């Protein structure tokens, strides 16, 4: 399985033109400069690269929470 968190950080860093080391998994998306439209665009790219479906909710506000959602979703798909 791919490094989900690392992939998310790489995609966001490229989008924001930042170094990956500048992003912290526990920072909120708004703290790192993303709005809801940015997040939707990034989620589409993540779904393609990680070959998964991402159902966002208002509870998903950090890189860590997004990585957990994707990892749990992939586990559920693998056992279905």
Protein backbone atom coordinates (compact mmCIF):
# COMPACT_ATOMS: atom_id res chain seq x y z
CA UNK A 1 0.00 0.00 0.00
CA UNK A 2 1.20 3.50 -0.81
CA UNK A 3 2.31 5.91 1.90
CA UNK A 4 -1.01 7.73 2.13
CA UNK A 5 0.09 10.56 4.42
CA UNK A 6 3.28 11.13 2.43
CA UNK A 7 1.31 11.27 -0.81
CA UNK A 8 -1.18 13.76 0.67
CA UNK A 9 1.64 15.97 1.94
CA UNK A 10 3.42 15.84 -1.42
CA UNK A 11 0.26 16.77 -3.36
CA UNK A 12 -0.58 19.66 -1.02
CA UNK A 13 3.02 20.92 -0.96
CA UNK A 14 3.16 20.96 -4.76
CA UNK A 15 -0.21 22.74 -4.93
CA UNK A 16 0.86 25.41 -2.42
CA UNK A 17 4.40 25.65 -3.84
CA UNK A 18 5.87 24.77 -0.43
CA UNK A 19 8.43 22.29 0.81
CA UNK A 20 6.94 19.07 2.21
CA UNK A 21 8.80 19.75 5.47
CA UNK A 22 6.73 22.93 5.92
CA UNK A 23 3.52 20.91 6.29
CA UNK A 24 2.48 19.36 9.57
CA UNK A 25 -0.08 16.56 9.65
CA UNK A 26 -1.93 18.08 12.58
CA UNK A 27 -2.30 21.57 11.08
CA UNK A 28 -5.76 22.37 9.78
CA UNK A 29 -6.28 22.91 6.08
CA UNK A 30 -7.16 26.56 6.71
CA UNK A 31 -3.95 27.05 8.73
CA UNK A 32 -1.88 25.93 5.75
CA UNK A 33 -3.81 28.18 3.36
CA UNK A 34 -6.42 25.93 1.76
CA UNK A 35 -10.06 26.85 1.25
CA UNK A 36 -12.91 24.46 0.42
CA UNK A 37 -12.44 24.78 -3.35
CA UNK A 38 -8.73 24.01 -3.01
CA UNK A 39 -9.54 20.96 -0.93
CA UNK A 40 -12.04 19.65 -3.48
CA UNK A 41 -9.49 20.04 -6.29
CA UNK A 42 -6.81 18.30 -4.23
CA UNK A 43 -9.16 15.47 -3.24
CA UNK A 44 -9.80 14.69 -6.91
CA UNK A 45 -6.06 14.42 -7.49
CA UNK A 46 -5.61 12.27 -4.36
CA UNK A 47 -8.39 9.91 -5.44
CA UNK A 48 -6.65 9.41 -8.77
CA UNK A 49 -3.15 8.91 -7.34
CA UNK A 50 -4.23 6.72 -4.42
CA UNK A 51 -6.90 4.84 -6.40
CA UNK A 52 -9.58 5.40 -3.79
CA UNK A 53 -12.86 7.22 -3.18
CA UNK A 54 -12.81 9.98 -0.58
CA UNK A 55 -16.03 10.99 1.16
CA UNK A 56 -15.21 14.26 2.90
CA UNK A 57 -17.05 15.55 5.92
CA UNK A 58 -16.63 18.59 8.13
CA UNK A 59 -14.75 16.38 10.61
CA UNK A 60 -11.88 16.00 8.12
CA UNK A 61 -9.87 19.14 8.78
CA UNK A 62 -6.23 17.99 8.86
CA UNK A 63 -3.80 15.92 6.80
CA UNK A 64 -3.76 13.32 9.59
CA UNK A 65 -7.57 12.98 9.62
CA UNK A 66 -7.68 12.76 5.82
CA UNK A 67 -4.96 10.09 5.77
CA UNK A 68 -6.86 8.08 8.39
CA UNK A 69 -10.09 8.35 6.39
CA UNK A 70 -8.37 7.10 3.21
CA UNK A 71 -6.56 4.26 5.01
CA UNK A 72 -9.77 3.10 6.72
CA UNK A 73 -11.73 3.37 3.48
CA UNK A 74 -9.16 1.30 1.61
CA UNK A 75 -9.25 -1.36 4.33
CA UNK A 76 -13.05 -1.55 4.07
CA UNK A 77 -12.88 -1.88 0.28
CA UNK A 78 -10.25 -4.62 0.57
CA UNK A 79 -12.45 -6.67 2.92
CA UNK A 80 -15.69 -6.13 0.99
